Amino acid sequence: MPASAKQFFTLQEVAEILSLHPETVRRYCARGDLPAIKAGGPSGSHEWRIRADWLDKWGVDNLYDPRGGADGYRKR
């Protein structure tokens, strides 16, 4: 599904889009590096959700160093 067709993504979906481990995406969200919100789950648990437009902007605003590993990004 294209990013423009979906409004919110799960950590797993973002991890697949960015080719990162889901735990790396969770850390980015928890640190505030990747804009996200916590949404209530069915059992009262909360799960991160990332809006498509936030993900698009984050991707534009961040450069990836292919030699730097999953956490090897830096902001412009």
N, C-alpha and C. Protein backbone atom coordinates (compact mmCIF):
# COMPACT_ATOMS: atom_id res chain seq x y z
N MET A 1 0.84 -1.18 0.00
CA MET A 1 0.00 0.00 0.00
C MET A 1 0.89 1.24 0.00
N PRO A 2 0.68 2.17 -0.93
CA PRO A 2 1.50 3.39 -0.96
C PRO A 2 1.29 4.22 0.30
N ALA A 3 2.34 4.94 0.69
CA ALA A 3 2.27 5.75 1.91
C ALA A 3 1.14 6.76 1.84
N SER A 4 0.86 7.28 0.67
CA SER A 4 -0.17 8.31 0.55
C SER A 4 -1.58 7.74 0.76
N ALA A 5 -1.75 6.43 0.64
CA ALA A 5 -3.07 5.82 0.78
C ALA A 5 -3.39 5.47 2.22
N LYS A 6 -2.43 5.55 3.11
CA LYS A 6 -2.64 5.18 4.50
C LYS A 6 -2.27 6.36 5.39
N GLN A 7 -3.08 6.62 6.40
CA GLN A 7 -2.82 7.78 7.25
C GLN A 7 -1.86 7.48 8.39
N PHE A 8 -1.97 6.31 9.03
CA PHE A 8 -1.10 5.95 10.15
C PHE A 8 -0.41 4.61 9.88
N PHE A 9 0.82 4.49 10.37
CA PHE A 9 1.58 3.26 10.25
C PHE A 9 1.93 2.74 11.64
N THR A 10 2.08 1.43 11.74
CA THR A 10 2.57 0.81 12.97
C THR A 10 4.10 0.82 12.95
N LEU A 11 4.70 0.48 14.09
CA LEU A 11 6.17 0.38 14.14
C LEU A 11 6.68 -0.63 13.11
N GLN A 12 6.00 -1.76 13.04
CA GLN A 12 6.43 -2.82 12.11
C GLN A 12 6.39 -2.32 10.67
N GLU A 13 5.33 -1.61 10.31
CA GLU A 13 5.21 -1.10 8.94
C GLU A 13 6.30 -0.07 8.64
N VAL A 14 6.56 0.82 9.59
CA VAL A 14 7.61 1.81 9.39
C VAL A 14 8.97 1.13 9.30
N ALA A 15 9.19 0.12 10.13
CA ALA A 15 10.46 -0.63 10.07
C ALA A 15 10.65 -1.24 8.68
N GLU A 16 9.59 -1.79 8.12
CA GLU A 16 9.69 -2.38 6.78
C GLU A 16 9.94 -1.31 5.73
N ILE A 17 9.26 -0.18 5.83
CA ILE A 17 9.44 0.91 4.87
C ILE A 17 10.87 1.43 4.90
N LEU A 18 11.42 1.60 6.11
CA LEU A 18 12.75 2.17 6.27
C LEU A 18 13.87 1.13 6.29
N SER A 19 13.51 -0.14 6.20
CA SER A 19 14.48 -1.24 6.27
C SER A 19 15.28 -1.18 7.58
N LEU A 20 14.55 -0.98 8.67
CA LEU A 20 15.14 -0.95 10.00
C LEU A 20 14.48 -2.02 10.87
N HIS A 21 15.12 -2.33 11.98
CA HIS A 21 14.53 -3.25 12.94
C HIS A 21 13.42 -2.51 13.68
N PRO A 22 12.30 -3.17 14.00
CA PRO A 22 11.21 -2.49 14.72
C PRO A 22 11.66 -1.86 16.05
N GLU A 23 12.61 -2.48 16.73
CA GLU A 23 13.10 -1.91 17.99
C GLU A 23 13.82 -0.58 17.75
N THR A 24 14.51 -0.45 16.63
CA THR A 24 15.17 0.81 16.28
C THR A 24 14.12 1.89 16.07
N VAL A 25 13.05 1.57 15.36
CA VAL A 25 11.97 2.53 15.13
C VAL A 25 11.33 2.91 16.46
N ARG A 26 11.13 1.93 17.35
CA ARG A 26 10.54 2.21 18.66
C ARG A 26 11.42 3.18 19.45
N ARG A 27 12.73 2.96 19.40
CA ARG A 27 13.66 3.87 20.10
C ARG A 27 13.58 5.28 19.53
N TYR A 28 13.52 5.40 18.20
CA TYR A 28 13.39 6.72 17.57
C TYR A 28 12.13 7.42 18.08
N CYS A 29 11.03 6.68 18.17
CA CYS A 29 9.76 7.25 18.64
C CYS A 29 9.87 7.64 20.11
N ALA A 30 10.42 6.76 20.93
CA ALA A 30 10.52 7.01 22.37
C ALA A 30 11.41 8.21 22.67
N ARG A 31 12.47 8.39 21.88
CA ARG A 31 13.38 9.53 22.08
C ARG A 31 12.83 10.82 21.49
N GLY A 32 11.80 10.70 20.66
CA GLY A 32 11.25 11.88 20.00
C GLY A 32 11.95 12.22 18.70
N ASP A 33 12.83 11.33 18.24
CA ASP A 33 13.52 11.56 16.98
C ASP A 33 12.59 11.39 15.79
N LEU A 34 11.62 10.51 15.93
CA LEU A 34 10.63 10.25 14.89
C LEU A 34 9.27 10.61 15.47
N PRO A 35 8.59 11.61 14.91
CA PRO A 35 7.29 12.01 15.46
C PRO A 35 6.31 10.85 15.45
N ALA A 36 5.66 10.61 16.60
CA ALA A 36 4.71 9.51 16.71
C ALA A 36 3.77 9.78 17.88
N ILE A 37 2.68 9.05 17.91
CA ILE A 37 1.75 9.12 19.03
C ILE A 37 1.54 7.72 19.56
N LYS A 38 1.09 7.63 20.80
CA LYS A 38 0.74 6.33 21.37
C LYS A 38 -0.76 6.18 21.29
N ALA A 39 -1.20 5.08 20.71
CA ALA A 39 -2.62 4.78 20.57
C ALA A 39 -2.95 3.58 21.45
N GLY A 40 -4.14 3.60 22.02
CA GLY A 40 -4.56 2.50 22.89
C GLY A 40 -4.78 1.22 22.12
N GLY A 41 -4.30 0.14 22.69
CA GLY A 41 -4.49 -1.18 22.10
C GLY A 41 -5.72 -1.86 22.68
N PRO A 42 -6.08 -3.02 22.15
CA PRO A 42 -7.29 -3.71 22.60
C PRO A 42 -7.24 -4.17 24.06
N SER A 43 -6.07 -4.42 24.59
CA SER A 43 -5.97 -4.91 25.97
C SER A 43 -5.54 -3.80 26.93
N GLY A 44 -5.72 -2.55 26.51
CA GLY A 44 -5.31 -1.44 27.36
C GLY A 44 -3.85 -1.05 27.17
N SER A 45 -3.14 -1.79 26.34
CA SER A 45 -1.75 -1.45 26.07
C SER A 45 -1.71 -0.30 25.05
N HIS A 46 -0.59 0.36 24.98
CA HIS A 46 -0.45 1.47 24.03
C HIS A 46 0.61 1.10 23.01
N GLU A 47 0.34 1.44 21.78
CA GLU A 47 1.26 1.15 20.69
C GLU A 47 1.55 2.43 19.92
N TRP A 48 2.78 2.55 19.44
CA TRP A 48 3.16 3.72 18.66
C TRP A 48 2.47 3.69 17.29
N ARG A 49 2.07 4.88 16.85
CA ARG A 49 1.52 5.08 15.50
C ARG A 49 2.22 6.30 14.90
N ILE A 50 2.60 6.18 13.64
CA ILE A 50 3.31 7.24 12.95
C ILE A 50 2.47 7.68 11.76
N ARG A 51 2.15 8.96 11.71
CA ARG A 51 1.35 9.48 10.59
C ARG A 51 2.19 9.46 9.32
N ALA A 52 1.56 9.20 8.20
CA ALA A 52 2.25 9.12 6.92
C ALA A 52 2.95 10.43 6.58
N ASP A 53 2.29 11.57 6.83
CA ASP A 53 2.92 12.85 6.50
C ASP A 53 4.11 13.13 7.41
N TRP A 54 4.04 12.69 8.69
CA TRP A 54 5.19 12.84 9.58
C TRP A 54 6.36 12.01 9.09
N LEU A 55 6.07 10.79 8.65
CA LEU A 55 7.12 9.90 8.15
C LEU A 55 7.75 10.48 6.88
N ASP A 56 6.92 11.02 5.99
CA ASP A 56 7.45 11.64 4.77
C ASP A 56 8.37 12.81 5.10
N LYS A 57 7.94 13.68 6.01
CA LYS A 57 8.78 14.83 6.39
C LYS A 57 10.05 14.37 7.07
N TRP A 58 9.94 13.39 7.96
CA TRP A 58 11.12 12.88 8.66
C TRP A 58 12.13 12.33 7.65
N GLY A 59 11.63 11.61 6.65
CA GLY A 59 12.52 11.06 5.63
C GLY A 59 13.25 12.13 4.84
N VAL A 60 12.56 13.22 4.55
CA VAL A 60 13.16 14.33 3.81
C VAL A 60 14.19 15.06 4.67
N ASP A 61 13.88 15.22 5.95
CA ASP A 61 14.74 15.99 6.86
C ASP A 61 15.96 15.24 7.36
N ASN A 62 16.04 13.95 7.10
CA ASN A 62 17.15 13.14 7.64
C ASN A 62 17.96 12.52 6.51
N LEU A 63 19.25 12.51 6.71
CA LEU A 63 20.15 11.87 5.76
C LEU A 63 20.60 10.54 6.35
N TYR A 64 20.73 9.55 5.51
CA TYR A 64 21.18 8.23 5.96
C TYR A 64 22.59 7.99 5.45
N ASP A 65 23.43 7.52 6.35
CA ASP A 65 24.77 7.11 5.99
C ASP A 65 24.74 5.59 5.85
N PRO A 66 24.85 5.06 4.63
CA PRO A 66 24.73 3.62 4.46
C PRO A 66 25.79 2.83 5.22
N ARG A 67 26.89 3.47 5.58
CA ARG A 67 27.92 2.79 6.36
C ARG A 67 27.72 2.94 7.85
N GLY A 68 26.71 3.73 8.28
CA GLY A 68 26.54 4.02 9.69
C GLY A 68 25.63 3.08 10.44
N GLY A 69 25.05 2.10 9.77
CA GLY A 69 24.15 1.17 10.46
C GLY A 69 22.79 1.78 10.69
N ALA A 70 21.95 1.05 11.41
CA ALA A 70 20.57 1.47 11.60
C ALA A 70 20.46 2.79 12.34
N ASP A 71 21.36 3.06 13.28
CA ASP A 71 21.30 4.31 14.03
C ASP A 71 22.22 5.36 13.43
N GLY A 72 22.77 5.12 12.26
CA GLY A 72 23.73 6.03 11.68
C GLY A 72 23.12 7.12 10.83
N TYR A 73 22.10 7.76 11.32
CA TYR A 73 21.54 8.89 10.57
C TYR A 73 21.92 10.18 11.27
N ARG A 74 21.91 11.24 10.51
CA ARG A 74 22.17 12.55 11.11
C ARG A 74 21.22 13.54 10.48
N LYS A 75 20.89 14.55 11.23
CA LYS A 75 19.97 15.58 10.73
C LYS A 75 20.77 16.63 9.97
N ARG A 76 20.13 17.20 8.97
CA ARG A 76 20.77 18.27 8.21
C ARG A 76 20.96 19.48 9.07
